[in-house]
């Protein structure tokens, strides 16, 4: 064979490999649809659950924060275990689908139950009801979310293709936030009775969340037999053969051995805390600063509408300058926009929607870019630790994200308690002290800005660049 022919054959093989590595539009669309479920679950409880407890069920602000925090602490315990369980499923059956299906099929009922508390039970029993129902709902969510996050590292090995996949996931995620952030509170008002309104919201939202998750399960590999895999107990990865204790510690090992993972996770958790704090505070800003409960929908439109166009733009920026630099820029823009909202303390008004819109542009990058960086971290770890551990990473990642958002509600409840916020039951009219209104504004502006600033310090410690990932593919 001539040199030219050999070179031509190698070039054709390379082009063929590139074509195979490129994801189909159908795969991207089905994977992205899962964010209709994950975005809905992340948004609606964060937006209305604290408010539901304090202003509909009469639960004290500090107790409401405790209920949500304890429910989320459970996620910290189970998410690493679910991560190694889904790695075991992949090793033994060639698919992560089993746990995804279980979560998708159970979450609609559990989500509805969270908002189905009979008010006659009283605040104490109502708090216990919400705690157990929301804990079970969060468990169902984790069964889907952990393997869902592990999939991108296996769907494509390419640096920019992962950005493309996660960019469109975030486009759907922002649509979900808009749908649930604006539509959820609107559903709550379909009935004059707030009890019926919350129930309708819980049922409809739960069904939509479940359907989005079900579509995404089709992206996972079809189950295959152990014989077809050629697997045996002796050849499975450690996570696939481990007991309960090992399932938990495998995720901890992933965190200990991977410096890039620690830096990225710390950044993401701090930013989840910041955005979770703003999310939990939005309803309070609408009610007590803008003096209109319906203004919460306008806040969400201002936040999410720009993000629909910004997510692809951040993907284009990252292809030019790298994911980590684009991520730092997005975070800085978000922090500045959040800090400027502090001005509503002295001049409340509709101008607040402008900085919220700028924050929305930045938020699109803060969601898509770290999620596109996570598969790079997994690939980097595979070079030294071997493949098949993506679930361990996604389990710890989901636990961190969950606790970040949960602590957002906790920090808000502490601020409300310290500043003298007055809880109430449905139909009761109260007047909040000036200190409580100040606390609400601080929780929506200054506190998130400081948290984002802290996250930039941890992001500066993230070491991976495009060349580190592309060198693994040569």
Protein backbone atom coordinates (compact mmCIF):
# COMPACT_ATOMS: atom_id res chain seq x y z
CA UNK A 1 0.00 0.00 0.00
CA UNK A 2 1.33 3.46 -0.89
CA UNK A 3 2.02 6.12 1.71
CA UNK A 4 -0.72 8.31 0.25
CA UNK A 5 -3.17 5.44 0.37
CA UNK A 6 -2.20 4.66 3.93
CA UNK A 7 -2.53 8.31 4.87
CA UNK A 8 -5.87 8.50 3.12
CA UNK A 9 -7.06 5.39 4.97
CA UNK A 10 -5.96 6.83 8.30
CA UNK A 11 -7.66 10.12 7.48
CA UNK A 12 -10.88 8.33 6.57
CA UNK A 13 -10.74 6.33 9.78
CA UNK A 14 -10.20 9.52 11.76
CA UNK A 15 -13.14 11.21 10.06
CA UNK A 16 -15.27 8.14 10.73
CA UNK A 17 -14.31 8.17 14.40
CA UNK A 18 -15.16 11.86 14.61
CA UNK A 19 -18.54 11.24 13.04
CA UNK A 20 -19.27 8.46 15.51
CA UNK A 21 -18.24 10.70 18.40
CA UNK A 22 -20.65 13.43 17.30
CA UNK A 23 -23.97 13.07 19.06
CA UNK A 24 -27.17 12.89 17.04
CA UNK A 25 -29.76 15.64 17.42
CA UNK A 26 -32.22 13.05 18.71
CA UNK A 27 -29.89 11.95 21.49
CA UNK A 28 -29.28 15.54 22.55
CA UNK A 29 -33.02 16.34 22.47
CA UNK A 30 -33.99 13.30 24.56
CA UNK A 31 -31.23 13.88 27.07
CA UNK A 32 -32.11 17.56 27.36
CA UNK A 33 -35.79 16.72 27.97
CA UNK A 34 -34.75 15.21 31.29
CA UNK A 35 -34.05 18.74 32.49
CA UNK A 36 -37.75 19.45 32.25
CA UNK A 37 -37.97 17.18 35.28
CA UNK A 38 -34.77 18.17 37.05
CA UNK A 39 -35.39 21.88 36.48
CA UNK A 40 -38.96 21.58 37.70
CA UNK A 41 -37.96 19.82 40.90
CA UNK A 42 -35.06 22.17 41.57
CA UNK A 43 -37.19 25.27 40.96
CA UNK A 44 -40.68 24.88 42.35
CA UNK A 45 -39.95 23.58 45.88
CA UNK A 46 -37.16 26.11 46.24
CA UNK A 47 -39.52 28.87 45.17
CA UNK A 48 -42.67 28.06 47.13
CA UNK A 49 -42.03 25.41 49.79
CA UNK A 50 -40.68 27.73 52.48
CA UNK A 51 -43.44 30.22 51.69
CA UNK A 52 -46.01 27.36 51.74
CA UNK A 53 -44.87 26.39 55.23
CA UNK A 54 -44.67 29.90 56.71
CA UNK A 55 -47.57 31.69 54.98
CA UNK A 56 -50.09 28.89 54.37
CA UNK A 57 -49.52 26.31 57.09
CA UNK A 58 -48.42 28.76 59.82
CA UNK A 59 -45.07 27.08 60.49
CA UNK A 60 -42.49 29.39 62.09
CA UNK A 61 -39.72 30.53 59.73
CA UNK A 62 -36.93 28.79 61.65
CA UNK A 63 -38.91 25.53 61.83
CA UNK A 64 -39.70 25.74 58.10
CA UNK A 65 -36.01 26.05 57.29
CA UNK A 66 -35.24 23.10 59.57
CA UNK A 67 -37.84 20.91 57.82
CA UNK A 68 -36.36 21.56 54.38
CA UNK A 69 -32.76 21.23 55.56
CA UNK A 70 -33.32 17.90 57.30
CA UNK A 71 -35.04 16.51 54.22
CA UNK A 72 -32.06 17.54 52.12
CA UNK A 73 -29.53 16.13 54.58
CA UNK A 74 -30.95 12.74 53.67
CA UNK A 75 -29.79 13.37 50.10
CA UNK A 76 -26.23 13.85 51.29
CA UNK A 77 -26.41 10.35 52.78
CA UNK A 78 -28.03 8.52 49.88
CA UNK A 79 -26.65 10.25 46.78
CA UNK A 80 -23.14 8.73 46.99
CA UNK A 81 -24.76 5.33 47.58
CA UNK A 82 -27.01 5.77 44.54
CA UNK A 83 -23.93 6.78 42.54
CA UNK A 84 -22.12 3.52 43.19
CA UNK A 85 -25.36 1.53 42.77
CA UNK A 86 -25.78 2.97 39.28
CA UNK A 87 -22.13 2.12 38.52
CA UNK A 88 -22.94 -1.45 39.56
CA UNK A 89 -25.98 -1.49 37.26
CA UNK A 90 -23.82 -0.31 34.37
CA UNK A 91 -21.17 -2.96 35.04
CA UNK A 92 -23.61 -5.83 35.48
CA UNK A 93 -26.35 -4.99 33.00
CA UNK A 94 -24.79 -2.46 30.65
CA UNK A 95 -27.26 0.31 31.56
CA UNK A 96 -28.05 2.92 34.22
CA UNK A 97 -31.73 2.89 33.31
CA UNK A 98 -33.20 0.89 36.20
CA UNK A 99 -32.83 3.54 38.91
CA UNK A 100 -33.77 6.33 36.48
CA UNK A 101 -37.08 4.61 35.73
CA UNK A 102 -37.82 4.00 39.41
CA UNK A 103 -37.33 7.67 40.23
CA UNK A 104 -39.31 8.93 37.22
CA UNK A 105 -42.31 6.70 37.97
CA UNK A 106 -42.61 7.49 41.70
CA UNK A 107 -41.93 11.22 41.82
CA UNK A 108 -45.34 12.44 40.51
CA UNK A 109 -47.30 10.96 43.43
CA UNK A 110 -44.75 11.95 46.06
CA UNK A 111 -44.46 15.51 44.75
CA UNK A 112 -48.24 15.97 44.90
CA UNK A 113 -48.35 14.62 48.47
CA UNK A 114 -45.86 17.29 49.59
CA UNK A 115 -48.43 20.00 48.81
CA UNK A 116 -51.50 18.09 50.00
CA UNK A 117 -51.39 18.91 53.72
CA UNK A 118 -54.86 19.32 55.30
CA UNK A 119 -54.65 22.68 57.12
CA UNK A 120 -56.77 21.41 59.99
CA UNK A 121 -53.80 19.33 61.17
CA UNK A 122 -52.11 22.40 62.63
CA UNK A 123 -48.57 23.75 62.09
CA UNK A 124 -46.67 21.03 63.98
CA UNK A 125 -48.27 18.05 62.20
CA UNK A 126 -48.15 19.94 58.90
CA UNK A 127 -44.40 20.39 59.27
CA UNK A 128 -43.95 16.67 59.94
CA UNK A 129 -46.12 15.79 56.90
CA UNK A 130 -44.08 18.01 54.61
CA UNK A 131 -40.82 16.65 56.01
CA UNK A 132 -41.65 13.00 55.27
CA UNK A 133 -43.32 13.66 51.90
CA UNK A 134 -40.52 15.92 50.69
CA UNK A 135 -37.83 13.49 51.89
CA UNK A 136 -39.42 10.69 49.84
CA UNK A 137 -39.77 13.03 46.87
CA UNK A 138 -36.11 14.00 47.10
CA UNK A 139 -35.17 10.31 47.21
CA UNK A 140 -37.11 9.61 44.01
CA UNK A 141 -35.44 12.61 42.40
CA UNK A 142 -31.96 11.35 43.33
CA UNK A 143 -32.70 7.93 41.85
CA UNK A 144 -33.11 9.66 38.51
CA UNK A 145 -30.71 12.58 38.83
CA UNK A 146 -27.54 10.74 39.86
CA UNK A 147 -27.38 8.36 36.86
CA UNK A 148 -28.67 11.14 34.60
CA UNK A 149 -25.66 13.32 35.45
CA UNK A 150 -23.31 10.37 34.93
CA UNK A 151 -24.43 9.80 31.32
CA UNK A 152 -22.58 12.64 29.47
CA UNK A 153 -19.14 11.22 30.29
CA UNK A 154 -20.22 8.00 28.54
CA UNK A 155 -22.18 9.49 25.65
CA UNK A 156 -19.17 11.27 24.10
CA UNK A 157 -15.44 11.62 24.85
CA UNK A 158 -15.04 14.96 23.05
CA UNK A 159 -14.40 18.24 24.91
CA UNK A 160 -16.58 20.49 22.71
CA UNK A 161 -19.24 17.84 22.10
CA UNK A 162 -19.87 17.64 25.83
CA UNK A 163 -20.35 21.41 25.85
CA UNK A 164 -22.85 21.05 22.99
CA UNK A 165 -24.77 18.34 24.86
CA UNK A 166 -24.90 20.25 28.14
CA UNK A 167 -25.67 23.58 26.44
CA UNK A 168 -28.93 22.24 25.06
CA UNK A 169 -29.69 20.58 28.35
CA UNK A 170 -29.44 24.02 29.97
CA UNK A 171 -31.69 25.53 27.29
CA UNK A 172 -34.39 23.06 28.35
CA UNK A 173 -33.46 23.64 32.00
CA UNK A 174 -34.10 27.37 31.63
CA UNK A 175 -37.40 26.64 29.91
CA UNK A 176 -38.30 24.41 32.84
CA UNK A 177 -37.39 27.10 35.35
CA UNK A 178 -39.54 29.56 33.44
CA UNK A 179 -42.40 27.09 33.15
CA UNK A 180 -42.36 26.06 36.79
CA UNK A 181 -41.20 29.36 38.24
CA UNK A 182 -43.96 31.35 36.55
CA UNK A 183 -46.52 28.60 35.92
CA UNK A 184 -46.33 26.99 39.35
CA UNK A 185 -47.42 30.06 41.31
CA UNK A 186 -50.04 30.75 38.60
CA UNK A 187 -51.48 27.26 39.08
CA UNK A 188 -51.55 27.93 42.80
CA UNK A 189 -54.08 30.72 42.13
CA UNK A 190 -56.51 28.66 40.02
CA UNK A 191 -58.69 28.31 43.10
CA UNK A 192 -59.70 30.93 45.65
CA UNK A 193 -58.87 28.41 48.37
CA UNK A 194 -55.05 28.29 48.76
CA UNK A 195 -55.27 24.68 49.97
CA UNK A 196 -56.86 23.55 46.68
CA UNK A 197 -54.50 25.79 44.72
CA UNK A 198 -51.37 24.21 46.19
CA UNK A 199 -52.79 20.71 45.59
CA UNK A 200 -53.51 21.46 41.92
CA UNK A 201 -50.01 22.87 41.54
CA UNK A 202 -48.47 19.76 43.12
CA UNK A 203 -50.41 17.31 40.95
CA UNK A 204 -49.81 19.06 37.62
CA UNK A 205 -46.16 19.83 38.33
CA UNK A 206 -45.48 16.28 39.52
CA UNK A 207 -46.86 14.76 36.32
CA UNK A 208 -44.82 17.08 34.08
CA UNK A 209 -41.65 16.37 36.08
CA UNK A 210 -42.18 12.62 35.76
CA UNK A 211 -42.83 12.75 32.02
CA UNK A 212 -39.66 14.74 31.35
CA UNK A 213 -37.63 12.21 33.30
CA UNK A 214 -39.19 9.25 31.46
CA UNK A 215 -38.16 10.66 28.09
CA UNK A 216 -34.55 11.00 29.24
CA UNK A 217 -34.34 7.37 30.33
CA UNK A 218 -34.40 6.38 26.65
CA UNK A 219 -30.88 7.82 26.23
CA UNK A 220 -29.40 5.26 28.62
CA UNK A 221 -28.14 2.08 27.03
CA UNK A 222 -30.56 -0.78 26.58
CA UNK A 223 -30.14 -3.52 29.19
CA UNK A 224 -27.96 -6.42 28.08
CA UNK A 225 -27.31 -9.77 29.70
CA UNK A 226 -24.28 -10.51 31.82
CA UNK A 227 -23.29 -13.15 29.28
CA UNK A 228 -23.28 -10.56 26.52
CA UNK A 229 -21.16 -8.30 28.68
CA UNK A 230 -18.84 -11.09 29.56
CA UNK A 231 -18.89 -9.86 33.14
CA UNK A 232 -18.31 -11.82 36.30
CA UNK A 233 -18.06 -10.93 39.95
CA UNK A 234 -14.27 -11.04 39.74
CA UNK A 235 -14.05 -8.64 36.77
CA UNK A 236 -16.55 -6.01 37.86
CA UNK A 237 -15.24 -2.68 39.18
CA UNK A 238 -15.00 -2.38 42.95
CA UNK A 239 -18.16 -0.26 43.08
CA UNK A 240 -20.12 -3.01 41.37
CA UNK A 241 -19.13 -5.65 43.92
CA UNK A 242 -19.24 -3.54 47.05
CA UNK A 243 -21.42 -3.65 50.11
CA UNK A 244 -23.40 -0.75 51.57
CA UNK A 245 -20.40 0.80 53.32
CA UNK A 246 -18.29 0.58 50.18
CA UNK A 247 -21.07 2.18 48.13
CA UNK A 248 -20.83 5.24 50.34
CA UNK A 249 -17.06 5.43 50.65
CA UNK A 250 -16.48 5.06 46.89
CA UNK A 251 -17.91 8.53 46.38
CA UNK A 252 -15.74 9.89 49.17
CA UNK A 253 -12.68 8.32 47.51
CA UNK A 254 -13.55 10.03 44.24
CA UNK A 255 -13.63 13.35 46.07
CA UNK A 256 -10.32 12.71 47.82
CA UNK A 257 -8.30 11.55 44.81
CA UNK A 258 -9.44 14.15 42.26
CA UNK A 259 -8.23 17.71 42.81
CA UNK A 260 -10.12 19.02 39.76
CA UNK A 261 -13.33 17.48 41.13
CA UNK A 262 -12.89 19.11 44.54
CA UNK A 263 -12.33 22.54 42.99
CA UNK A 264 -15.27 22.25 40.60
CA UNK A 265 -17.60 20.83 43.23
CA UNK A 266 -16.75 23.54 45.77
CA UNK A 267 -17.45 26.20 43.15
CA UNK A 268 -20.75 24.63 42.15
CA UNK A 269 -21.97 24.11 45.73
CA UNK A 270 -21.26 27.73 46.66
CA UNK A 271 -23.11 28.90 43.57
CA UNK A 272 -26.00 26.52 44.28
CA UNK A 273 -26.21 28.08 47.75
CA UNK A 274 -26.26 31.57 46.22
CA UNK A 275 -28.89 30.80 43.60
CA UNK A 276 -30.91 28.71 46.07
CA UNK A 277 -30.96 31.67 48.44
CA UNK A 278 -32.23 33.96 45.67
CA UNK A 279 -34.76 31.38 44.54
CA UNK A 280 -36.18 30.94 48.05
CA UNK A 281 -36.28 34.69 48.56
CA UNK A 282 -38.00 35.62 45.28
CA UNK A 283 -41.52 35.12 46.61
CA UNK A 284 -40.74 37.25 49.66
CA UNK A 285 -39.29 40.02 47.47
CA UNK A 286 -42.44 39.97 45.33
CA UNK A 287 -44.77 40.11 48.34
CA UNK A 288 -43.00 42.45 50.73
CA UNK A 289 -40.73 44.61 48.53
CA UNK A 290 -42.65 44.85 45.25
CA UNK A 291 -45.93 44.42 47.18
CA UNK A 292 -47.44 41.93 44.73
CA UNK A 293 -47.43 38.14 45.05
CA UNK A 294 -47.88 37.92 41.27
CA UNK A 295 -44.58 39.80 40.75
CA UNK A 296 -42.73 36.53 41.39
CA UNK A 297 -43.68 35.43 37.86
CA UNK A 298 -42.23 38.64 36.41
CA UNK A 299 -39.02 38.08 38.35
CA UNK A 300 -38.73 34.64 36.82
CA UNK A 301 -39.44 35.89 33.31
CA UNK A 302 -36.75 38.53 33.76
CA UNK A 303 -34.31 35.88 34.99
CA UNK A 304 -35.02 33.08 32.52
CA UNK A 305 -36.01 34.68 29.22
CA UNK A 306 -32.50 36.08 28.58
CA UNK A 307 -30.99 32.73 29.56
CA UNK A 308 -32.78 30.95 26.70
CA UNK A 309 -30.62 32.87 24.23
CA UNK A 310 -27.55 33.12 26.43
CA UNK A 311 -26.89 29.39 26.92
CA UNK A 312 -25.83 28.76 23.27
CA UNK A 313 -23.82 31.98 23.40
CA UNK A 314 -21.87 30.78 26.43
CA UNK A 315 -21.20 27.54 24.57
CA UNK A 316 -19.72 29.53 21.69
CA UNK A 317 -17.61 31.60 24.09
CA UNK A 318 -16.27 28.47 25.79
CA UNK A 319 -15.19 27.02 22.44
CA UNK A 320 -13.04 30.12 21.92
CA UNK A 321 -11.55 30.72 25.36
CA UNK A 322 -12.21 27.49 27.28
CA UNK A 323 -14.95 26.43 29.66
CA UNK A 324 -13.20 27.50 32.84
CA UNK A 325 -12.55 31.08 31.68
CA UNK A 326 -16.09 31.48 30.34
CA UNK A 327 -17.40 30.13 33.66
CA UNK A 328 -15.40 32.72 35.60
CA UNK A 329 -16.76 35.54 33.42
CA UNK A 330 -20.36 34.35 33.85
CA UNK A 331 -19.92 34.12 37.62
CA UNK A 332 -18.49 37.62 37.87
CA UNK A 333 -21.32 39.13 35.84
CA UNK A 334 -23.87 37.36 38.06
CA UNK A 335 -22.25 38.66 41.25
CA UNK A 336 -22.22 42.26 40.04
CA UNK A 337 -25.85 42.06 38.91
CA UNK A 338 -26.96 40.54 42.23
CA UNK A 339 -25.10 43.18 44.23
CA UNK A 340 -26.79 46.00 42.32
CA UNK A 341 -30.22 44.74 43.44
CA UNK A 342 -29.36 46.00 46.94
CA UNK A 343 -30.52 49.41 45.69
CA UNK A 344 -34.18 48.43 46.12
CA UNK A 345 -33.72 49.10 49.83
CA UNK A 346 -33.70 52.82 49.02
CA UNK A 347 -35.53 52.92 45.69
CA UNK A 348 -37.93 49.98 45.27
CA UNK A 349 -39.44 49.75 41.81
CA UNK A 350 -39.65 47.97 38.49
CA UNK A 351 -36.00 48.73 37.69
CA UNK A 352 -35.19 45.56 39.65
CA UNK A 353 -36.07 43.50 36.56
CA UNK A 354 -33.05 44.90 34.64
CA UNK A 355 -30.30 43.51 36.94
CA UNK A 356 -32.31 40.31 37.34
CA UNK A 357 -32.24 39.97 33.53
CA UNK A 358 -28.46 40.46 33.48
CA UNK A 359 -28.15 37.82 36.20
CA UNK A 360 -30.24 35.53 33.99
CA UNK A 361 -27.75 35.88 31.14
CA UNK A 362 -24.91 34.94 33.50
CA UNK A 363 -26.92 32.14 35.14
CA UNK A 364 -27.12 30.30 31.82
CA UNK A 365 -23.33 30.03 31.77
CA UNK A 366 -23.15 29.15 35.45
CA UNK A 367 -25.37 26.13 34.77
CA UNK A 368 -24.12 24.81 31.41
CA UNK A 369 -20.37 25.28 31.82
CA UNK A 370 -19.72 23.42 35.11
CA UNK A 371 -21.98 20.58 33.95
CA UNK A 372 -19.89 20.37 30.75
CA UNK A 373 -16.71 20.40 32.86
CA UNK A 374 -17.83 17.48 35.06
CA UNK A 375 -17.44 14.82 32.28
CA UNK A 376 -13.93 16.20 31.68
CA UNK A 377 -13.15 15.60 35.36
CA UNK A 378 -14.47 12.04 35.10
CA UNK A 379 -12.37 11.35 31.99
CA UNK A 380 -9.29 12.76 33.70
CA UNK A 381 -9.85 10.42 36.66
CA UNK A 382 -10.27 7.41 34.36
CA UNK A 383 -6.64 7.74 33.27
CA UNK A 384 -5.44 6.67 36.71
CA UNK A 385 -8.39 4.91 38.34
CA UNK A 386 -10.07 3.14 35.43
CA UNK A 387 -13.52 3.59 33.84
CA UNK A 388 -16.96 2.83 35.24
CA UNK A 389 -16.95 5.29 38.15
CA UNK A 390 -18.96 8.16 36.68
CA UNK A 391 -21.82 7.34 39.06
CA UNK A 392 -19.57 7.86 42.07
CA UNK A 393 -18.75 11.35 40.85
CA UNK A 394 -22.34 12.20 39.97
CA UNK A 395 -23.55 10.91 43.35
CA UNK A 396 -21.25 13.25 45.26
CA UNK A 397 -22.02 16.06 42.78
CA UNK A 398 -25.78 15.68 43.26
CA UNK A 399 -25.37 15.57 47.03
CA UNK A 400 -23.36 18.78 46.91
CA UNK A 401 -25.85 20.51 44.62
CA UNK A 402 -28.73 19.38 46.79
CA UNK A 403 -27.21 20.57 50.03
CA UNK A 404 -26.28 23.88 48.38
CA UNK A 405 -29.84 24.59 47.32
CA UNK A 406 -31.19 23.34 50.66
CA UNK A 407 -28.87 25.58 52.62
CA UNK A 408 -30.16 28.49 50.53
CA UNK A 409 -33.58 27.98 52.12
CA UNK A 410 -31.92 27.47 55.50
CA UNK A 411 -29.91 30.71 55.29
CA UNK A 412 -33.05 32.56 54.22
CA UNK A 413 -35.03 31.18 57.16
CA UNK A 414 -32.24 32.22 59.55
CA UNK A 415 -32.18 35.73 58.10
CA UNK A 416 -35.97 35.94 58.39
CA UNK A 417 -35.90 34.69 61.98
CA UNK A 418 -33.12 37.09 63.04
CA UNK A 419 -34.83 40.09 61.42
CA UNK A 420 -38.21 39.35 63.02
CA UNK A 421 -40.23 38.02 60.09
CA UNK A 422 -43.86 37.31 61.08
CA UNK A 423 -45.31 34.00 59.82
CA UNK A 424 -49.03 33.67 59.08
CA UNK A 425 -51.70 31.21 58.00
CA UNK A 426 -53.67 31.36 54.75
CA UNK A 427 -56.01 34.38 54.69
CA UNK A 428 -54.34 36.12 57.65
CA UNK A 429 -53.05 39.67 57.11
CA UNK A 430 -49.82 40.80 58.78
CA UNK A 431 -47.39 43.72 58.48
CA UNK A 432 -43.69 42.94 58.39
CA UNK A 433 -41.19 45.05 60.37
CA UNK A 434 -38.69 47.14 58.41
CA UNK A 435 -35.83 44.90 59.58
CA UNK A 436 -37.50 41.85 58.02
CA UNK A 437 -37.89 43.64 54.67
CA UNK A 438 -34.21 44.60 54.80
CA UNK A 439 -33.31 40.98 55.51
CA UNK A 440 -35.33 39.86 52.49
CA UNK A 441 -33.46 42.27 50.19
CA UNK A 442 -30.05 41.30 51.60
CA UNK A 443 -30.84 37.61 51.06
CA UNK A 444 -31.70 38.35 47.42
CA UNK A 445 -28.69 40.54 46.63
CA UNK A 446 -25.71 41.06 48.95
CA UNK A 447 -25.51 37.54 50.38
CA UNK A 448 -25.62 35.77 46.97
CA UNK A 449 -23.03 38.20 45.56
CA UNK A 450 -20.63 37.41 48.41
CA UNK A 451 -21.11 33.66 47.89
CA UNK A 452 -20.38 33.95 44.16
CA UNK A 453 -17.25 35.94 44.98
CA UNK A 454 -16.10 33.12 47.26
CA UNK A 455 -16.80 30.56 44.52
CA UNK A 456 -14.42 32.38 42.17
CA UNK A 457 -11.59 31.58 44.59
CA UNK A 458 -12.26 27.84 44.35
CA UNK A 459 -12.74 28.05 40.57
CA UNK A 460 -9.24 29.56 40.27
CA UNK A 461 -7.90 26.26 41.65
CA UNK A 462 -9.47 24.19 38.84
CA UNK A 463 -6.49 22.91 36.76
CA UNK A 464 -7.95 21.20 33.65
CA UNK A 465 -7.78 22.87 30.24
CA UNK A 466 -8.79 21.86 26.74
CA UNK A 467 -5.33 20.41 26.02
CA UNK A 468 -5.59 18.10 29.05
CA UNK A 469 -8.79 16.53 27.70
CA UNK A 470 -7.90 16.44 24.01
CA UNK A 471 -4.57 14.77 24.77
CA UNK A 472 -6.50 11.78 26.12
CA UNK A 473 -8.22 11.31 22.75
CA UNK A 474 -5.04 11.14 20.65
